[in-house]
Amino acid sequence: MQPYCPKSPRPLLDRRELLVAAAASIATPAAVVHAKGRKMHARRIPSSGEAMPIVGFGTWQTFDIGTEASERAARRQVLEVLFEAGGRMIDSSPMYGRSEAVVGDLLAAMGARDQAFLATKVWTTGEKAGLAQMRTSSDRFRSPVVDLMQIHNLVDWRTHLGSLRAGKEAGRYRYIGITHYTVPALDDLARILETEPLDFVQMGYSLATRAAERRLLRVAEARGVAVIANQPFDSGTMFRKVKGKPLPPWAAEIECTSWAQVMLKYLIGDPAVTCVIPGTARPNHARDNILAGLGTIPDAGQRRRMAAAWDAL
């Protein structure tokens, strides 16, 4: 039986309303910003020094689609937005239904495999099942080499860690890592990083859920482990909290023209964070997310103000 991973509810708020409201709330030239022609910030992957653009995309729910041409076209546009701004990270998992195969199909059609940094996960129990699942993921991506193979939600992690190391040594995976999405798992992730050499850790982290700051981010920083922040919008629930609220005046100081950019830039402001991976199926949302990787990055003082302002909402 597959391990159960509960899904968070889909966002109840149409983010288009927030984009319109945010644009109207900042009456300055900085409110009109376009990603075209600008490359996003990048951070180094500590274990290799390779530069990683700081905003990527997750595929949970958003790329789990069929063969409908209009749906495929929208996801292709999302990837085009990512690549146009210099982004690379695309994160998926066998748990995400057809997402891996959709990504693989689109990259093949676009001739864009070399522009992508493909990350996926092993999500099963037992060595044999794990190896088979990882081969299937590679086939779905249409790529003999997966850039990052991760152990999803720590499922049977001790067994799979040996397989990941062997796969990296054989050249099937360029990097290896571990993931989880819940707050209770953060200490487990930190303990593993303290004892096991890994390239990446991925966890839930948002302006609303900052528990990773207590220990895990600092352990990753000290151990030289790259950090991927997932659920940066808490599965969309954060947009309900800001519905109808104008952006604070200080948002212009860090070149934010939407609440989504505020949420993402807070995470980007932590030097331990290598890449954030918001998920979307809409090209306009993708463009909005990408803008968080451009321009001013908030410093420690600005981040404290952002956290205080969020808590006061």
Foldseek 3Di string as FASTA:
>chain_A
DFDDDDDDDAAPDDCVLQLVQLLVQDPDPLSDDFLAPAAFDWDAQQVPRDTAQAAAAEPAVQQQDDDPPVLLVLQLLLVVLCVRNQHAEYEYEVVRHLNLLSQLVSCVVVVNPVSHQAEYEFGGDDQVSRVVRVVVSCVSNVHQAHAEYEHEQCHNVVNCVVVVVVCCVVRNYVFYYYEREDLVCLVVRLVCLVPDDGREYEYEDWLVDHSCVVGVLVSCVVSSHEYEYECHCVSNPVCVVCVPPYDDPCCVVQSQSGVLLLTSLLVVQPSRHRYYHYYDSGSVVSRNNSCSRDGHRDHPVVSVVSSVVSVVD
